[in-house]
PDB file of N, CA and C in Angstrom:
ATOM      1  N   MET A   1      39.804 -14.981 -24.926  1.00  0.00           N
ATOM      2  CA  MET A   1      40.139 -13.891 -24.341  1.00  0.00           C
ATOM      3  C   MET A   1      39.404 -13.646 -23.055  1.00  0.00           C
ATOM      4  N   VAL A   2      37.994 -14.048 -22.895  1.00  0.00           N
ATOM      5  CA  VAL A   2      37.457 -14.101 -21.651  1.00  0.00           C
ATOM      6  C   VAL A   2      37.859 -15.050 -20.750  1.00  0.00           C
ATOM      7  N   ARG A   3      38.375 -16.172 -21.169  1.00  0.00           N
ATOM      8  CA  ARG A   3      38.797 -17.517 -20.367  1.00  0.00           C
ATOM      9  C   ARG A   3      40.238 -16.792 -19.807  1.00  0.00           C
ATOM     10  N   ASN A   4      41.099 -15.884 -20.575  1.00  0.00           N
ATOM     11  CA  ASN A   4      42.260 -15.396 -19.944  1.00  0.00           C
ATOM     12  C   ASN A   4      42.003 -14.430 -19.016  1.00  0.00           C
ATOM     13  N   THR A   5      41.272 -13.446 -19.222  1.00  0.00           N
ATOM     14  CA  THR A   5      40.860 -12.638 -18.342  1.00  0.00           C
ATOM     15  C   THR A   5      40.223 -13.108 -16.914  1.00  0.00           C
ATOM     16  N   THR A   6      39.321 -14.076 -17.121  1.00  0.00           N
ATOM     17  CA  THR A   6      38.812 -14.859 -15.866  1.00  0.00           C
ATOM     18  C   THR A   6      39.987 -15.465 -15.130  1.00  0.00           C
ATOM     19  N   ARG A   7      40.880 -16.103 -15.817  1.00  0.00           N
ATOM     20  CA  ARG A   7      41.773 -16.610 -15.251  1.00  0.00           C
ATOM     21  C   ARG A   7      42.716 -15.764 -14.332  1.00  0.00           C
ATOM     22  N   GLY A   8      43.241 -14.835 -15.056  1.00  0.00           N
ATOM     23  CA  GLY A   8      43.971 -13.562 -14.529  1.00  0.00           C
ATOM     24  C   GLY A   8      43.227 -13.280 -13.112  1.00  0.00           C
ATOM     25  N   ILE A   9      42.033 -12.989 -13.370  1.00  0.00           N
ATOM     26  CA  ILE A   9      41.294 -12.356 -12.190  1.00  0.00           C
ATOM     27  C   ILE A   9      41.215 -13.466 -10.914  1.00  0.00           C
ATOM     28  N   LEU A  10      40.925 -14.621 -11.331  1.00  0.00           N
ATOM     29  CA  LEU A  10      41.157 -15.740 -10.296  1.00  0.00           C
ATOM     30  C   LEU A  10      42.326 -15.825  -9.665  1.00  0.00           C
ATOM     31  N   GLY A  11      43.348 -15.735 -10.408  1.00  0.00           N
ATOM     32  CA  GLY A  11      44.740 -15.814  -9.990  1.00  0.00           C
ATOM     33  C   GLY A  11      44.905 -14.634  -8.970  1.00  0.00           C
ATOM     34  N   LEU A  12      44.787 -13.605  -9.405  1.00  0.00           N
ATOM     35  CA  LEU A  12      44.888 -12.342  -8.245  1.00  0.00           C
ATOM     36  C   LEU A  12      44.192 -12.717  -6.901  1.00  0.00           C
ATOM     37  N   ILE A  13      42.939 -13.129  -7.130  1.00  0.00           N
ATOM     38  CA  ILE A  13      42.174 -13.457  -6.194  1.00  0.00           C
ATOM     39  C   ILE A  13      42.626 -14.376  -5.093  1.00  0.00           C
ATOM     40  N   PHE A  14      43.237 -15.270  -5.787  1.00  0.00           N
ATOM     41  CA  PHE A  14      43.666 -16.619  -5.216  1.00  0.00           C
ATOM     42  C   PHE A  14      45.156 -16.275  -4.344  1.00  0.00           C
ATOM     43  N   ALA A  15      46.036 -15.423  -5.272  1.00  0.00           N
ATOM     44  CA  ALA A  15      47.181 -14.564  -4.433  1.00  0.00           C
ATOM     45  C   ALA A  15      46.756 -13.849  -3.318  1.00  0.00           C
ATOM     46  N   ALA A  16      45.831 -13.002  -3.463  1.00  0.00           N
ATOM     47  CA  ALA A  16      45.432 -12.133  -2.269  1.00  0.00           C
ATOM     48  C   ALA A  16      45.003 -12.994  -1.167  1.00  0.00           C
ATOM     49  N   GLY A  17      44.155 -13.923  -1.667  1.00  0.00           N
ATOM     50  CA  GLY A  17      43.623 -14.771  -0.450  1.00  0.00           C
ATOM     51  C   GLY A  17      44.619 -15.606   0.130  1.00  0.00           C
ATOM     52  N   ALA A  18      45.536 -16.127  -0.420  1.00  0.00           N
ATOM     53  CA  ALA A  18      46.679 -16.954   0.185  1.00  0.00           C
ATOM     54  C   ALA A  18      47.444 -16.055   1.030  1.00  0.00           C
ATOM     55  N   THR A  19      47.759 -14.807   0.386  1.00  0.00           N
ATOM     56  CA  THR A  19      48.616 -13.905   1.409  1.00  0.00           C
ATOM     57  C   THR A  19      48.049 -13.624   2.638  1.00  0.00           C
ATOM     58  N   TRP A  20      46.692 -13.223   2.649  1.00  0.00           N
ATOM     59  CA  TRP A  20      45.928 -12.938   3.611  1.00  0.00           C
ATOM     60  C   TRP A  20      45.973 -14.054   4.793  1.00  0.00           C
ATOM     61  N   LEU A  21      45.678 -15.136   4.159  1.00  0.00           N
ATOM     62  CA  LEU A  21      45.680 -16.267   4.924  1.00  0.00           C
ATOM     63  C   LEU A  21      46.865 -16.583   5.728  1.00  0.00           C
ATOM     64  N   ALA A  22      47.962 -16.465   5.152  1.00  0.00           N
ATOM     65  CA  ALA A  22      49.385 -16.824   5.472  1.00  0.00           C
ATOM     66  C   ALA A  22      49.370 -15.375   6.702  1.00  0.00           C
ATOM     67  N   ASN A  23      49.158 -14.277   6.354  1.00  0.00           N
ATOM     68  CA  ASN A  23      49.199 -13.365   7.406  1.00  0.00           C
ATOM     69  C   ASN A  23      48.325 -13.566   8.655  1.00  0.00           C
ATOM     70  N   PHE A  24      47.244 -14.082   8.442  1.00  0.00           N
ATOM     71  CA  PHE A  24      46.175 -14.502   9.480  1.00  0.00           C
ATOM     72  C   PHE A  24      46.714 -15.699  10.144  1.00  0.00           C
ATOM     73  N   VAL A  25      47.394 -16.650   9.757  1.00  0.00           N
ATOM     74  CA  VAL A  25      47.755 -17.817  10.458  1.00  0.00           C
ATOM     75  C   VAL A  25      49.106 -17.333  11.151  1.00  0.00           C
ATOM     76  N   VAL A  26      49.890 -16.584  10.630  1.00  0.00           N
ATOM     77  CA  VAL A  26      51.248 -16.068  11.574  1.00  0.00           C
ATOM     78  C   VAL A  26      50.687 -15.153  12.673  1.00  0.00           C
ATOM     79  N   GLU A  27      49.912 -14.364  12.320  1.00  0.00           N
ATOM     80  CA  GLU A  27      49.423 -13.469  13.596  1.00  0.00           C
ATOM     81  C   GLU A  27      48.806 -14.249  14.590  1.00  0.00           C
ATOM     82  N   LYS A  28      47.985 -15.415  14.279  1.00  0.00           N
ATOM     83  CA  LYS A  28      47.423 -16.274  15.397  1.00  0.00           C
ATOM     84  C   LYS A  28      48.300 -16.893  16.118  1.00  0.00           C
ATOM     85  N   ILE A  29      49.278 -17.318  15.508  1.00  0.00           N
ATOM     86  CA  ILE A  29      50.458 -18.216  16.153  1.00  0.00           C
ATOM     87  C   ILE A  29      51.467 -17.239  16.983  1.00  0.00           C
ATOM     88  N   PHE A  30      51.903 -16.170  16.237  1.00  0.00           N
ATOM     89  CA  PHE A  30      52.780 -15.384  16.862  1.00  0.00           C
ATOM     90  C   PHE A  30      52.455 -14.152  17.651  1.00  0.00           C
ATOM     91  N   GLY A  31      51.042 -13.725  17.322  1.00  0.00           N
ATOM     92  CA  GLY A  31      50.660 -12.614  17.887  1.00  0.00           C
ATOM     93  C   GLY A  31      50.980 -11.411  16.977  1.00  0.00           C
ATOM     94  N   PRO A  32      50.487 -10.267  17.223  1.00  0.00           N
ATOM     95  CA  PRO A  32      50.705  -8.997  16.395  1.00  0.00           C
ATOM     96  C   PRO A  32      52.119  -8.733  16.006  1.00  0.00           C
ATOM     97  N   GLU A  33      52.243  -7.924  14.877  1.00  0.00           N
ATOM     98  CA  GLU A  33      53.697  -7.641  14.665  1.00  0.00           C
ATOM     99  C   GLU A  33      54.381  -6.815  15.662  1.00  0.00           C
ATOM    100  N   GLU A  34      53.682  -5.951  16.158  1.00  0.00           N
ATOM    101  CA  GLU A  34      54.368  -5.016  17.221  1.00  0.00           C
ATOM    102  C   GLU A  34      54.749  -5.702  18.410  1.00  0.00           C
ATOM    103  N   ALA A  35      54.299  -6.824  18.775  1.00  0.00           N
ATOM    104  CA  ALA A  35      54.819  -7.536  20.035  1.00  0.00           C
ATOM    105  C   ALA A  35      56.084  -8.188  19.715  1.00  0.00           C
ATOM    106  N   ASP A  36      56.395  -8.489  18.469  1.00  0.00           N
ATOM    107  CA  ASP A  36      57.397  -9.446  18.024  1.00  0.00           C
ATOM    108  C   ASP A  36      58.675  -8.484  17.742  1.00  0.00           C
ATOM    109  N   GLY A  37      59.445  -8.607  18.848  1.00  0.00           N
ATOM    110  CA  GLY A  37      60.636  -7.649  18.846  1.00  0.00           C
ATOM    111  C   GLY A  37      61.677  -8.308  18.081  1.00  0.00           C
ATOM    112  N   GLN A  38      62.020  -9.612  17.922  1.00  0.00           N
ATOM    113  CA  GLN A  38      62.752 -10.096  17.220  1.00  0.00           C
ATOM    114  C   GLN A  38      62.643 -10.666  15.929  1.00  0.00           C
ATOM    115  N   LYS A  39      62.282  -9.537  14.965  1.00  0.00           N
ATOM    116  CA  LYS A  39      62.189  -9.829  13.496  1.00  0.00           C
ATOM    117  C   LYS A  39      63.297  -9.837  12.823  1.00  0.00           C
ATOM    118  N   GLY A  40      63.402 -10.494  11.773  1.00  0.00           N
ATOM    119  CA  GLY A  40      64.596 -10.468  10.927  1.00  0.00           C
ATOM    120  C   GLY A  40      65.251 -11.979  11.235  1.00  0.00           C
TER     121      GLY A  40
END
């Protein structure tokens, strides 16, 4: 029970961290979203 709960929490933290890191890298490379007029 504790193991599954811990695994779920770590999974959420990892997913959130990966999403944040991806957004961070993309913003560093391409600049802020507002400046990118050719989205899609």
